[in-house]
Amino acid sequence: MPYVNIKITNEGATAEQKKRLIAGATKLLQDVLGKNPQTTFVVIEEVPTDSWGIAGETITERRKRERA
Protein backbone atom coordinates (compact mmCIF):
# COMPACT_ATOMS: atom_id res chain seq x y z
CA MET A 1 0.00 0.00 0.00
CA PRO A 2 2.17 2.89 -1.26
CA TYR A 3 1.78 6.36 0.18
CA VAL A 4 3.14 9.32 -1.79
CA ASN A 5 3.33 12.77 -0.22
CA ILE A 6 3.89 15.61 -2.69
CA LYS A 7 4.70 18.98 -1.15
CA ILE A 8 4.43 22.14 -3.22
CA THR A 9 4.28 25.82 -2.39
CA ASN A 10 0.81 27.33 -2.37
CA GLU A 11 1.33 29.42 -5.47
CA GLY A 12 -1.75 28.48 -7.39
CA ALA A 13 -1.59 24.89 -8.61
CA THR A 14 -4.95 24.26 -10.24
CA ALA A 15 -7.29 21.39 -9.49
CA GLU A 16 -6.46 19.98 -12.93
CA GLN A 17 -2.71 20.11 -12.25
CA LYS A 18 -3.20 18.34 -8.92
CA LYS A 19 -5.35 15.72 -10.61
CA ARG A 20 -2.55 15.10 -13.11
CA LEU A 21 0.05 14.84 -10.33
CA ILE A 22 -2.06 12.25 -8.52
CA ALA A 23 -2.64 10.23 -11.70
CA GLY A 24 1.02 10.47 -12.72
CA ALA A 25 2.41 9.40 -9.34
CA THR A 26 -0.04 6.50 -9.22
CA LYS A 27 0.91 5.36 -12.73
CA LEU A 28 4.64 5.67 -11.97
CA LEU A 29 4.33 3.34 -8.98
CA GLN A 30 2.29 0.92 -11.04
CA ASP A 31 4.74 0.95 -13.97
CA VAL A 32 8.00 0.85 -12.02
CA LEU A 33 7.11 -1.20 -8.94
CA GLY A 34 4.01 -3.05 -10.08
CA LYS A 35 1.90 -1.46 -7.33
CA ASN A 36 -1.88 -1.70 -7.41
CA PRO A 37 -3.43 1.70 -8.21
CA GLN A 38 -6.43 0.80 -6.05
CA THR A 39 -4.25 0.77 -2.95
CA THR A 40 -1.94 3.67 -3.82
CA PHE A 41 -2.47 6.85 -1.81
CA VAL A 42 -1.26 10.24 -3.05
CA VAL A 43 -1.49 13.33 -0.86
CA ILE A 44 -0.64 16.83 -2.04
CA GLU A 45 0.28 19.34 0.65
CA GLU A 46 0.40 23.02 -0.22
CA VAL A 47 2.87 24.86 1.99
CA PRO A 48 2.80 28.65 2.44
CA THR A 49 5.87 30.29 0.93
CA ASP A 50 6.66 31.78 4.36
CA SER A 51 7.05 28.21 5.64
CA TRP A 52 9.37 26.93 2.91
CA GLY A 53 13.01 27.91 2.91
CA ILE A 54 16.04 27.52 0.67
CA ALA A 55 19.58 28.62 1.50
CA GLY A 56 18.52 30.35 4.70
CA GLU A 57 15.64 32.39 3.34
CA THR A 58 11.94 31.86 2.72
CA ILE A 59 10.47 31.40 -0.71
CA THR A 60 8.50 34.59 -0.08
CA GLU A 61 11.76 36.54 0.31
CA ARG A 62 13.27 34.91 -2.78
CA ARG A 63 10.21 35.69 -4.90
CA LYS A 64 10.30 39.35 -3.83
CA ARG A 65 14.00 39.59 -4.70
CA GLU A 66 13.49 37.90 -8.08
CA ARG A 67 10.74 40.38 -9.00
CA ALA A 68 12.80 43.42 -8.07
PDB file of N, CA and C in Angstrom:
ATOM      1  N   MET A   1       0.841  -1.168   0.000  1.00  0.00           N
ATOM      2  CA  MET A   1       0.000   0.000   0.000  1.00  0.00           C
ATOM      3  C   MET A   1       0.892   1.238   0.000  1.00  0.00           C
ATOM      4  N   PRO A   2       1.302   1.707  -1.175  1.00  0.00           N
ATOM      5  CA  PRO A   2       2.171   2.886  -1.258  1.00  0.00           C
ATOM      6  C   PRO A   2       1.457   4.167  -0.813  1.00  0.00           C
ATOM      7  N   TYR A   3       2.252   5.038  -0.235  1.00  0.00           N
ATOM      8  CA  TYR A   3       1.781   6.360   0.182  1.00  0.00           C
ATOM      9  C   TYR A   3       2.779   7.374  -0.365  1.00  0.00           C
ATOM     10  N   VAL A   4       2.305   8.281  -1.194  1.00  0.00           N
ATOM     11  CA  VAL A   4       3.145   9.318  -1.787  1.00  0.00           C
ATOM     12  C   VAL A   4       2.695  10.662  -1.243  1.00  0.00           C
ATOM     13  N   ASN A   5       3.644  11.448  -0.744  1.00  0.00           N
ATOM     14  CA  ASN A   5       3.333  12.771  -0.222  1.00  0.00           C
ATOM     15  C   ASN A   5       4.073  13.790  -1.078  1.00  0.00           C
ATOM     16  N   ILE A   6       3.324  14.576  -1.826  1.00  0.00           N
ATOM     17  CA  ILE A   6       3.893  15.611  -2.689  1.00  0.00           C
ATOM     18  C   ILE A   6       3.696  16.949  -1.985  1.00  0.00           C
ATOM     19  N   LYS A   7       4.786  17.658  -1.769  1.00  0.00           N
ATOM     20  CA  LYS A   7       4.696  18.982  -1.146  1.00  0.00           C
ATOM     21  C   LYS A   7       5.072  20.035  -2.182  1.00  0.00           C
ATOM     22  N   ILE A   8       4.191  21.026  -2.306  1.00  0.00           N
ATOM     23  CA  ILE A   8       4.425  22.136  -3.220  1.00  0.00           C
ATOM     24  C   ILE A   8       4.096  23.433  -2.490  1.00  0.00           C
ATOM     25  N   THR A   9       4.652  24.532  -2.973  1.00  0.00           N
ATOM     26  CA  THR A   9       4.280  25.820  -2.392  1.00  0.00           C
ATOM     27  C   THR A   9       2.869  26.182  -2.860  1.00  0.00           C
ATOM     28  N   ASN A  10       2.199  26.963  -2.071  1.00  0.00           N
ATOM     29  CA  ASN A  10       0.808  27.333  -2.374  1.00  0.00           C
ATOM     30  C   ASN A  10       0.749  28.535  -3.310  1.00  0.00           C
ATOM     31  N   GLU A  11       1.270  28.333  -4.490  1.00  0.00           N
ATOM     32  CA  GLU A  11       1.333  29.421  -5.466  1.00  0.00           C
ATOM     33  C   GLU A  11       0.399  29.192  -6.645  1.00  0.00           C
ATOM     34  N   GLY A  12      -0.696  28.523  -6.380  1.00  0.00           N
ATOM     35  CA  GLY A  12      -1.750  28.483  -7.392  1.00  0.00           C
ATOM     36  C   GLY A  12      -1.817  27.265  -8.281  1.00  0.00           C
ATOM     37  N   ALA A  13      -1.386  26.100  -7.816  1.00  0.00           N
ATOM     38  CA  ALA A  13      -1.592  24.892  -8.609  1.00  0.00           C
ATOM     39  C   ALA A  13      -3.092  24.692  -8.764  1.00  0.00           C
ATOM     40  N   THR A  14      -3.515  24.428  -9.978  1.00  0.00           N
ATOM     41  CA  THR A  14      -4.946  24.262 -10.236  1.00  0.00           C
ATOM     42  C   THR A  14      -5.406  22.861  -9.865  1.00  0.00           C
ATOM     43  N   ALA A  15      -6.719  22.704  -9.763  1.00  0.00           N
ATOM     44  CA  ALA A  15      -7.291  21.390  -9.486  1.00  0.00           C
ATOM     45  C   ALA A  15      -6.889  20.400 -10.579  1.00  0.00           C
ATOM     46  N   GLU A  16      -6.850  20.844 -11.813  1.00  0.00           N
ATOM     47  CA  GLU A  16      -6.457  19.978 -12.931  1.00  0.00           C
ATOM     48  C   GLU A  16      -4.992  19.544 -12.804  1.00  0.00           C
ATOM     49  N   GLN A  17      -4.127  20.460 -12.432  1.00  0.00           N
ATOM     50  CA  GLN A  17      -2.712  20.111 -12.247  1.00  0.00           C
ATOM     51  C   GLN A  17      -2.544  19.097 -11.115  1.00  0.00           C
ATOM     52  N   LYS A  18      -3.274  19.281 -10.040  1.00  0.00           N
ATOM     53  CA  LYS A  18      -3.202  18.340  -8.917  1.00  0.00           C
ATOM     54  C   LYS A  18      -3.730  16.973  -9.338  1.00  0.00           C
ATOM     55  N   LYS A  19      -4.796  16.958 -10.097  1.00  0.00           N
ATOM     56  CA  LYS A  19      -5.350  15.716 -10.610  1.00  0.00           C
ATOM     57  C   LYS A  19      -4.306  14.975 -11.438  1.00  0.00           C
ATOM     58  N   ARG A  20      -3.591  15.706 -12.275  1.00  0.00           N
ATOM     59  CA  ARG A  20      -2.548  15.103 -13.110  1.00  0.00           C
ATOM     60  C   ARG A  20      -1.382  14.590 -12.274  1.00  0.00           C
ATOM     61  N   LEU A  21      -1.007  15.313 -11.224  1.00  0.00           N
ATOM     62  CA  LEU A  21       0.054  14.842 -10.329  1.00  0.00           C
ATOM     63  C   LEU A  21      -0.347  13.524  -9.660  1.00  0.00           C
ATOM     64  N   ILE A  22      -1.572  13.458  -9.182  1.00  0.00           N
ATOM     65  CA  ILE A  22      -2.057  12.245  -8.522  1.00  0.00           C
ATOM     66  C   ILE A  22      -2.067  11.073  -9.498  1.00  0.00           C
ATOM     67  N   ALA A  23      -2.594  11.295 -10.689  1.00  0.00           N
ATOM     68  CA  ALA A  23      -2.640  10.231 -11.696  1.00  0.00           C
ATOM     69  C   ALA A  23      -1.235   9.803 -12.107  1.00  0.00           C
ATOM     70  N   GLY A  24      -0.347  10.780 -12.294  1.00  0.00           N
ATOM     71  CA  GLY A  24       1.015  10.473 -12.719  1.00  0.00           C
ATOM     72  C   GLY A  24       1.808   9.700 -11.679  1.00  0.00           C
ATOM     73  N   ALA A  25       1.686  10.104 -10.413  1.00  0.00           N
ATOM     74  CA  ALA A  25       2.406   9.405  -9.343  1.00  0.00           C
ATOM     75  C   ALA A  25       1.872   7.984  -9.193  1.00  0.00           C
ATOM     76  N   THR A  26       0.567   7.824  -9.310  1.00  0.00           N
ATOM     77  CA  THR A  26      -0.041   6.501  -9.215  1.00  0.00           C
ATOM     78  C   THR A  26       0.447   5.609 -10.353  1.00  0.00           C
ATOM     79  N   LYS A  27       0.458   6.132 -11.565  1.00  0.00           N
ATOM     80  CA  LYS A  27       0.909   5.361 -12.727  1.00  0.00           C
ATOM     81  C   LYS A  27       2.382   5.016 -12.625  1.00  0.00           C
ATOM     82  N   LEU A  28       3.201   5.929 -12.131  1.00  0.00           N
ATOM     83  CA  LEU A  28       4.636   5.669 -11.971  1.00  0.00           C
ATOM     84  C   LEU A  28       4.871   4.482 -11.035  1.00  0.00           C
ATOM     85  N   LEU A  29       4.179   4.460  -9.918  1.00  0.00           N
ATOM     86  CA  LEU A  29       4.328   3.341  -8.982  1.00  0.00           C
ATOM     87  C   LEU A  29       3.833   2.030  -9.581  1.00  0.00           C
ATOM     88  N   GLN A  30       2.793   2.118 -10.372  1.00  0.00           N
ATOM     89  CA  GLN A  30       2.287   0.922 -11.044  1.00  0.00           C
ATOM     90  C   GLN A  30       3.303   0.416 -12.075  1.00  0.00           C
ATOM     91  N   ASP A  31       3.818   1.321 -12.901  1.00  0.00           N
ATOM     92  CA  ASP A  31       4.741   0.947 -13.971  1.00  0.00           C
ATOM     93  C   ASP A  31       6.093   0.469 -13.459  1.00  0.00           C
ATOM     94  N   VAL A  32       6.641   1.157 -12.477  1.00  0.00           N
ATOM     95  CA  VAL A  32       7.998   0.855 -12.016  1.00  0.00           C
ATOM     96  C   VAL A  32       8.028  -0.259 -10.980  1.00  0.00           C
ATOM     97  N   LEU A  33       7.076  -0.233 -10.038  1.00  0.00           N
ATOM     98  CA  LEU A  33       7.114  -1.200  -8.942  1.00  0.00           C
ATOM     99  C   LEU A  33       5.995  -2.238  -8.982  1.00  0.00           C
ATOM    100  N   GLY A  34       5.112  -2.107  -9.969  1.00  0.00           N
ATOM    101  CA  GLY A  34       4.013  -3.053 -10.076  1.00  0.00           C
ATOM    102  C   GLY A  34       2.962  -2.898  -8.989  1.00  0.00           C
ATOM    103  N   LYS A  35       2.856  -1.703  -8.422  1.00  0.00           N
ATOM    104  CA  LYS A  35       1.901  -1.459  -7.328  1.00  0.00           C
ATOM    105  C   LYS A  35       0.472  -1.318  -7.858  1.00  0.00           C
ATOM    106  N   ASN A  36      -0.468  -1.763  -7.059  1.00  0.00           N
ATOM    107  CA  ASN A  36      -1.878  -1.700  -7.407  1.00  0.00           C
ATOM    108  C   ASN A  36      -2.386  -0.262  -7.249  1.00  0.00           C
ATOM    109  N   PRO A  37      -2.905   0.334  -8.321  1.00  0.00           N
ATOM    110  CA  PRO A  37      -3.427   1.701  -8.214  1.00  0.00           C
ATOM    111  C   PRO A  37      -4.563   1.834  -7.197  1.00  0.00           C
ATOM    112  N   GLN A  38      -5.300   0.757  -6.977  1.00  0.00           N
ATOM    113  CA  GLN A  38      -6.432   0.798  -6.050  1.00  0.00           C
ATOM    114  C   GLN A  38      -5.999   0.944  -4.592  1.00  0.00           C
ATOM    115  N   THR A  39      -4.735   0.654  -4.320  1.00  0.00           N
ATOM    116  CA  THR A  39      -4.248   0.767  -2.945  1.00  0.00           C
ATOM    117  C   THR A  39      -3.097   1.770  -2.829  1.00  0.00           C
ATOM    118  N   THR A  40      -2.979   2.646  -3.826  1.00  0.00           N
ATOM    119  CA  THR A  40      -1.936   3.673  -3.824  1.00  0.00           C
ATOM    120  C   THR A  40      -2.550   4.997  -3.391  1.00  0.00           C
ATOM    121  N   PHE A  41      -1.990   5.569  -2.340  1.00  0.00           N
ATOM    122  CA  PHE A  41      -2.472   6.847  -1.813  1.00  0.00           C
ATOM    123  C   PHE A  41      -1.518   7.958  -2.221  1.00  0.00           C
ATOM    124  N   VAL A  42      -2.064   9.066  -2.699  1.00  0.00           N
ATOM    125  CA  VAL A  42      -1.261  10.241  -3.052  1.00  0.00           C
ATOM    126  C   VAL A  42      -1.873  11.442  -2.343  1.00  0.00           C
ATOM    127  N   VAL A  43      -1.047  12.146  -1.592  1.00  0.00           N
ATOM    128  CA  VAL A  43      -1.490  13.332  -0.863  1.00  0.00           C
ATOM    129  C   VAL A  43      -0.662  14.518  -1.337  1.00  0.00           C
ATOM    130  N   ILE A  44      -1.326  15.607  -1.649  1.00  0.00           N
ATOM    131  CA  ILE A  44      -0.638  16.834  -2.036  1.00  0.00           C
ATOM    132  C   ILE A  44      -0.811  17.836  -0.907  1.00  0.00           C
ATOM    133  N   GLU A  45       0.306  18.316  -0.393  1.00  0.00           N
ATOM    134  CA  GLU A  45       0.284  19.342   0.649  1.00  0.00           C
ATOM    135  C   GLU A  45       0.777  20.651   0.048  1.00  0.00           C
ATOM    136  N   GLU A  46       0.011  21.695   0.245  1.00  0.00           N
ATOM    137  CA  GLU A  46       0.403  23.021  -0.219  1.00  0.00           C
ATOM    138  C   GLU A  46       0.938  23.809   0.978  1.00  0.00           C
ATOM    139  N   VAL A  47       2.176  24.204   0.889  1.00  0.00           N
ATOM    140  CA  VAL A  47       2.872  24.862   1.985  1.00  0.00           C
ATOM    141  C   VAL A  47       2.977  26.362   1.682  1.00  0.00           C
ATOM    142  N   PRO A  48       2.624  27.212   2.645  1.00  0.00           N
ATOM    143  CA  PRO A  48       2.798  28.654   2.436  1.00  0.00           C
ATOM    144  C   PRO A  48       4.267  28.979   2.153  1.00  0.00           C
ATOM    145  N   THR A  49       4.494  29.938   1.288  1.00  0.00           N
ATOM    146  CA  THR A  49       5.869  30.294   0.928  1.00  0.00           C
ATOM    147  C   THR A  49       6.657  30.845   2.114  1.00  0.00           C
ATOM    148  N   ASP A  50       5.971  31.346   3.135  1.00  0.00           N
ATOM    149  CA  ASP A  50       6.661  31.784   4.357  1.00  0.00           C
ATOM    150  C   ASP A  50       7.175  30.603   5.174  1.00  0.00           C
ATOM    151  N   SER A  51       6.678  29.408   4.887  1.00  0.00           N
ATOM    152  CA  SER A  51       7.053  28.213   5.643  1.00  0.00           C
ATOM    153  C   SER A  51       7.963  27.273   4.852  1.00  0.00           C
ATOM    154  N   TRP A  52       8.489  27.739   3.749  1.00  0.00           N
ATOM    155  CA  TRP A  52       9.369  26.928   2.906  1.00  0.00           C
ATOM    156  C   TRP A  52      10.639  27.737   2.677  1.00  0.00           C
ATOM    157  N   GLY A  53      11.768  27.166   3.036  1.00  0.00           N
ATOM    158  CA  GLY A  53      13.013  27.912   2.910  1.00  0.00           C
ATOM    159  C   GLY A  53      14.059  27.201   2.079  1.00  0.00           C
ATOM    160  N   ILE A  54      14.893  27.992   1.437  1.00  0.00           N
ATOM    161  CA  ILE A  54      16.041  27.516   0.669  1.00  0.00           C
ATOM    162  C   ILE A  54      17.209  28.439   0.981  1.00  0.00           C
ATOM    163  N   ALA A  55      18.344  27.847   1.279  1.00  0.00           N
ATOM    164  CA  ALA A  55      19.576  28.617   1.502  1.00  0.00           C
ATOM    165  C   ALA A  55      19.405  29.720   2.546  1.00  0.00           C
ATOM    166  N   GLY A  56      18.646  29.414   3.591  1.00  0.00           N
ATOM    167  CA  GLY A  56      18.520  30.346   4.695  1.00  0.00           C
ATOM    168  C   GLY A  56      17.492  31.443   4.532  1.00  0.00           C
ATOM    169  N   GLU A  57      16.677  31.386   3.496  1.00  0.00           N
ATOM    170  CA  GLU A  57      15.636  32.394   3.337  1.00  0.00           C
ATOM    171  C   GLU A  57      14.348  31.739   2.856  1.00  0.00           C
ATOM    172  N   THR A  58      13.228  32.413   3.119  1.00  0.00           N
ATOM    173  CA  THR A  58      11.944  31.863   2.718  1.00  0.00           C
ATOM    174  C   THR A  58      11.725  32.048   1.218  1.00  0.00           C
ATOM    175  N   ILE A  59      10.840  31.242   0.700  1.00  0.00           N
ATOM    176  CA  ILE A  59      10.466  31.397  -0.709  1.00  0.00           C
ATOM    177  C   ILE A  59       9.845  32.767  -0.941  1.00  0.00           C
ATOM    178  N   THR A  60       9.091  33.253   0.038  1.00  0.00           N
ATOM    179  CA  THR A  60       8.500  34.590  -0.083  1.00  0.00           C
ATOM    180  C   THR A  60       9.578  35.638  -0.325  1.00  0.00           C
ATOM    181  N   GLU A  61      10.654  35.584   0.473  1.00  0.00           N
ATOM    182  CA  GLU A  61      11.763  36.537   0.307  1.00  0.00           C
ATOM    183  C   GLU A  61      12.419  36.382  -1.063  1.00  0.00           C
ATOM    184  N   ARG A  62      12.636  35.159  -1.483  1.00  0.00           N
ATOM    185  CA  ARG A  62      13.272  34.905  -2.779  1.00  0.00           C
ATOM    186  C   ARG A  62      12.420  35.437  -3.925  1.00  0.00           C
ATOM    187  N   ARG A  63      11.105  35.205  -3.837  1.00  0.00           N
ATOM    188  CA  ARG A  63      10.214  35.689  -4.902  1.00  0.00           C
ATOM    189  C   ARG A  63      10.246  37.207  -4.986  1.00  0.00           C
ATOM    190  N   LYS A  64      10.245  37.886  -3.844  1.00  0.00           N
ATOM    191  CA  LYS A  64      10.299  39.346  -3.829  1.00  0.00           C
ATOM    192  C   LYS A  64      11.590  39.837  -4.479  1.00  0.00           C
ATOM    193  N   ARG A  65      12.708  39.195  -4.142  1.00  0.00           N
ATOM    194  CA  ARG A  65      14.004  39.590  -4.704  1.00  0.00           C
ATOM    195  C   ARG A  65      14.042  39.345  -6.218  1.00  0.00           C
ATOM    196  N   GLU A  66      13.491  38.243  -6.663  1.00  0.00           N
ATOM    197  CA  GLU A  66      13.486  37.904  -8.085  1.00  0.00           C
ATOM    198  C   GLU A  66      12.659  38.883  -8.893  1.00  0.00           C
ATOM    199  N   ARG A  67      11.617  39.433  -8.289  1.00  0.00           N
ATOM    200  CA  ARG A  67      10.739  40.380  -9.001  1.00  0.00           C
ATOM    201  C   ARG A  67      11.318  41.788  -9.056  1.00  0.00           C
ATOM    202  N   ALA A  68      12.241  42.065  -8.145  1.00  0.00           N
ATOM    203  CA  ALA A  68      12.799  43.420  -8.067  1.00  0.00           C
ATOM    204  C   ALA A  68      13.756  43.720  -9.193  1.00  0.00           C
TER     205      ALA A  68
END
